[in-house]
Amino acid sequence: MDLFSWQLALPATILCLVFGYLLGSIPFGLILTRMAGLGDVRKIGSGNIGATNVLRTGNKKLAAATLLLDALKGTAAAAIASLWGVEAGIAAGLAAFLGHLFPVWLSFKGGKGVATYIGVLLGLAPLMVPAFAAIWLAAAKITRYSSLSALIATAVMPIALYATGYGKVALLFALMTVITWIKHRANIQRLLSGTESRIGEKG
């Protein structure tokens, strides 16, 4: 019976990873800006496909839609896979996060992952999303740096998850936090040099 379980577990895990990755790799920022006739979002601002760079087109509604869809693809992957257990949800959530960061359709050059990070959090531990939002908003009010607020919130989240009984999920978010910080290394360098744009500033 144990052997049979392992034989089922491996293909199921692979299926969750593929499902999550393909869902996460949908580049909504690029799709929406092209549909709106704004061209290739990768050719403006930071060149990123995420909501922050979409906002640089001047279209706030489009940026909000990008943020929502980038989050919901992580939510959908984690929540749907979780029907087969928390481990399946974790696998699909991680894959969706990686799919957003490294989409095969865009030569593995994607976004920085914060929206999808929140989306996976919603799918696996929905009660922690208000905590993430509160931390982000408090940090943003104090520092007026969007990037720093995201870094602080992602750093706190694995600890908060572990402290509230989400052991396995906390491990996932510890890994995702490390990756998020690596993807924000240019922002960290600008924060240290004092050249990072504050909320409300252009650039």
Protein backbone atom coordinates (compact mmCIF):
# COMPACT_ATOMS: atom_id res chain seq x y z
CA MET A 1 0.00 0.00 0.00
CA ASP A 2 2.85 2.36 0.77
CA LEU A 3 4.45 1.63 -2.59
CA PHE A 4 1.13 2.24 -4.31
CA SER A 5 0.80 5.58 -2.49
CA TRP A 6 4.27 6.67 -3.61
CA GLN A 7 3.47 5.63 -7.18
CA LEU A 8 0.42 7.89 -7.08
CA ALA A 9 2.14 10.73 -5.22
CA LEU A 10 4.91 11.35 -7.76
CA PRO A 11 2.71 11.85 -10.85
CA ALA A 12 0.24 13.87 -8.76
CA THR A 13 3.03 16.17 -7.58
CA ILE A 14 4.32 16.57 -11.13
CA LEU A 15 0.80 17.40 -12.30
CA CYS A 16 0.45 20.05 -9.58
CA LEU A 17 3.81 21.58 -10.49
CA VAL A 18 3.00 21.73 -14.20
CA PHE A 19 -0.50 23.10 -13.56
CA GLY A 20 0.80 25.76 -11.18
CA TYR A 21 3.67 26.78 -13.43
CA LEU A 22 1.54 27.15 -16.56
CA LEU A 23 -1.05 29.19 -14.67
CA GLY A 24 1.56 31.35 -13.00
CA SER A 25 3.41 32.02 -16.23
CA ILE A 26 0.48 33.83 -17.87
CA PRO A 27 1.91 37.37 -18.38
CA PHE A 28 -1.17 39.42 -17.62
CA GLY A 29 0.70 42.74 -17.53
CA LEU A 30 1.97 42.23 -21.06
CA ILE A 31 -1.35 40.91 -22.33
CA LEU A 32 -3.44 43.72 -20.86
CA THR A 33 -1.17 46.55 -22.01
CA ARG A 34 -1.11 45.16 -25.54
CA MET A 35 -4.88 44.75 -25.59
CA ALA A 36 -5.20 48.37 -24.44
CA GLY A 37 -2.99 49.52 -27.31
CA LEU A 38 -0.15 50.62 -25.03
CA GLY A 39 2.50 48.47 -26.68
CA ASP A 40 5.05 46.28 -24.95
CA VAL A 41 5.29 47.07 -21.23
CA ARG A 42 8.77 45.53 -21.24
CA LYS A 43 10.01 48.53 -23.22
CA ILE A 44 9.10 51.14 -20.62
CA GLY A 45 10.24 51.89 -17.08
CA SER A 46 11.95 48.95 -15.44
CA GLY A 47 10.99 46.58 -18.24
CA ASN A 48 9.08 44.48 -15.73
CA ILE A 49 5.72 42.87 -16.57
CA GLY A 50 4.24 43.46 -13.10
CA ALA A 51 1.65 45.96 -11.91
CA THR A 52 4.16 48.56 -10.72
CA ASN A 53 5.62 48.92 -14.20
CA VAL A 54 2.18 48.78 -15.84
CA LEU A 55 1.32 51.79 -13.67
CA ARG A 56 4.08 53.69 -15.48
CA THR A 57 1.88 53.63 -18.60
CA GLY A 58 -0.35 56.07 -16.71
CA ASN A 59 -3.30 53.68 -16.69
CA LYS A 60 -4.19 53.01 -13.04
CA LYS A 61 -7.10 50.70 -13.88
CA LEU A 62 -4.84 48.55 -16.03
CA ALA A 63 -2.26 48.38 -13.25
CA ALA A 64 -4.96 47.38 -10.74
CA ALA A 65 -6.22 44.68 -13.10
CA THR A 66 -2.69 43.36 -13.52
CA LEU A 67 -2.16 43.27 -9.77
CA LEU A 68 -5.45 41.42 -9.24
CA LEU A 69 -4.89 38.85 -12.00
CA ASP A 70 -1.26 38.22 -11.04
CA ALA A 71 -2.47 37.53 -7.50
CA LEU A 72 -5.44 35.39 -8.49
CA LYS A 73 -3.38 33.05 -10.64
CA GLY A 74 -1.41 32.16 -7.51
CA THR A 75 -4.64 31.81 -5.53
CA ALA A 76 -6.24 29.57 -8.13
CA ALA A 77 -3.20 27.29 -8.41
CA ALA A 78 -2.84 26.85 -4.64
CA ALA A 79 -6.54 26.59 -3.82
CA ILE A 80 -7.44 24.14 -6.57
CA ALA A 81 -4.48 21.86 -5.86
CA SER A 82 -5.22 22.03 -2.12
CA LEU A 83 -8.36 19.99 -2.79
CA TRP A 84 -5.93 17.04 -2.90
CA GLY A 85 -4.11 18.09 0.27
CA VAL A 86 -1.95 20.90 1.64
CA GLU A 87 1.20 19.42 0.08
CA ALA A 88 -0.40 19.57 -3.36
CA GLY A 89 -1.40 23.18 -2.73
CA ILE A 90 2.12 24.05 -1.65
CA ALA A 91 3.61 22.45 -4.78
CA ALA A 92 1.20 24.25 -7.11
CA GLY A 93 1.58 27.55 -5.26
CA LEU A 94 5.36 27.45 -5.50
CA ALA A 95 5.16 26.53 -9.17
CA ALA A 96 2.76 29.41 -9.88
CA PHE A 97 5.12 31.82 -8.11
CA LEU A 98 8.09 30.54 -10.14
CA GLY A 99 6.00 30.65 -13.31
CA HIS A 100 5.36 34.35 -12.77
CA LEU A 101 9.04 35.01 -12.16
CA PHE A 102 10.32 32.84 -14.98
CA PRO A 103 7.62 32.44 -17.68
CA VAL A 104 8.66 30.15 -20.50
CA TRP A 105 6.77 32.34 -23.00
CA LEU A 106 8.98 35.36 -22.24
CA SER A 107 12.40 33.69 -22.21
CA PHE A 108 12.05 33.20 -18.43
CA LYS A 109 12.00 36.98 -17.79
CA GLY A 110 8.96 37.77 -15.67
CA GLY A 111 7.86 39.87 -12.73
CA LYS A 112 9.19 40.21 -9.20
CA GLY A 113 6.49 38.08 -7.64
CA VAL A 114 4.88 40.12 -4.85
CA ALA A 115 1.34 39.98 -6.26
CA THR A 116 1.57 36.24 -6.91
CA TYR A 117 3.13 35.78 -3.44
CA ILE A 118 0.02 37.39 -1.94
CA GLY A 119 -2.20 35.29 -4.17
CA VAL A 120 -0.60 32.05 -3.01
CA LEU A 121 -1.00 33.28 0.57
CA LEU A 122 -4.71 33.81 -0.10
CA GLY A 123 -5.01 30.29 -1.46
CA LEU A 124 -3.21 28.56 1.42
CA ALA A 125 -3.68 30.79 4.48
CA PRO A 126 -6.36 33.40 3.67
CA LEU A 127 -6.57 34.71 7.23
CA MET A 128 -2.96 35.91 6.94
CA VAL A 129 -3.63 38.20 3.97
CA PRO A 130 -4.98 41.04 6.16
CA ALA A 131 -1.81 40.75 8.26
CA PHE A 132 0.35 41.05 5.15
CA ALA A 133 -1.68 44.06 3.99
CA ALA A 134 -1.44 45.74 7.40
CA ILE A 135 2.34 45.29 7.54
CA TRP A 136 2.73 46.60 3.97
CA LEU A 137 0.52 49.62 4.61
CA ALA A 138 2.25 50.49 7.89
CA ALA A 139 5.69 50.25 6.29
CA ALA A 140 4.54 52.26 3.27
CA LYS A 141 3.12 55.01 5.49
CA ILE A 142 6.37 55.26 7.44
CA THR A 143 8.91 54.87 4.63
CA ARG A 144 6.95 55.74 1.47
CA TYR A 145 8.90 53.03 -0.35
CA SER A 146 6.75 50.40 -2.07
CA SER A 147 9.65 48.02 -2.55
CA LEU A 148 10.82 48.27 1.07
CA SER A 149 7.27 47.73 2.30
CA ALA A 150 7.03 44.54 0.24
CA LEU A 151 10.41 43.35 1.51
CA ILE A 152 9.40 43.94 5.13
CA ALA A 153 6.02 42.22 4.72
CA THR A 154 7.52 39.17 3.01
CA ALA A 155 10.21 38.92 5.70
CA VAL A 156 7.62 38.89 8.49
CA MET A 157 5.19 36.50 6.83
CA PRO A 158 7.04 33.16 7.27
CA ILE A 159 7.50 33.95 10.99
CA ALA A 160 3.83 34.90 11.36
CA LEU A 161 2.73 31.74 9.55
CA TYR A 162 4.88 29.51 11.74
CA ALA A 163 3.69 31.25 14.90
CA THR A 164 0.04 30.69 13.96
CA GLY A 165 0.39 26.99 13.19
CA TYR A 166 0.98 26.96 9.44
CA GLY A 167 4.22 24.97 9.69
CA LYS A 168 4.48 23.52 6.18
CA VAL A 169 3.14 26.68 4.57
CA ALA A 170 5.66 28.74 6.56
CA LEU A 171 8.51 26.77 4.97
CA LEU A 172 7.10 27.51 1.52
CA PHE A 173 6.90 31.22 2.26
CA ALA A 174 10.40 31.28 3.73
CA LEU A 175 11.65 29.99 0.38
CA MET A 176 9.46 32.39 -1.58
CA THR A 177 10.66 35.29 0.59
CA VAL A 178 14.30 34.51 -0.17
CA ILE A 179 13.53 34.40 -3.89
CA THR A 180 11.52 37.63 -3.68
CA TRP A 181 14.44 39.41 -2.02
CA ILE A 182 16.82 38.13 -4.70
CA LYS A 183 14.47 39.42 -7.41
CA HIS A 184 14.45 42.80 -5.63
CA ARG A 185 18.23 43.08 -5.39
CA ALA A 186 18.29 46.12 -7.70
CA ASN A 187 15.69 47.81 -5.49
CA ILE A 188 17.75 46.96 -2.40
CA GLN A 189 20.83 48.54 -3.99
CA ARG A 190 18.84 51.70 -4.76
CA LEU A 191 17.42 51.78 -1.24
CA LEU A 192 20.93 51.58 0.19
CA SER A 193 22.17 54.33 -2.14
CA GLY A 194 19.12 56.53 -1.55
CA THR A 195 18.04 56.54 -5.20
CA GLU A 196 14.92 54.37 -4.93
CA SER A 197 11.72 56.15 -5.96
CA ARG A 198 9.22 56.81 -3.22
CA ILE A 199 5.49 56.20 -3.54
CA GLY A 200 3.99 59.00 -5.63
CA GLU A 201 7.25 59.84 -7.38
CA LYS A 202 7.79 59.09 -11.05
CA GLY A 203 10.62 56.93 -12.33
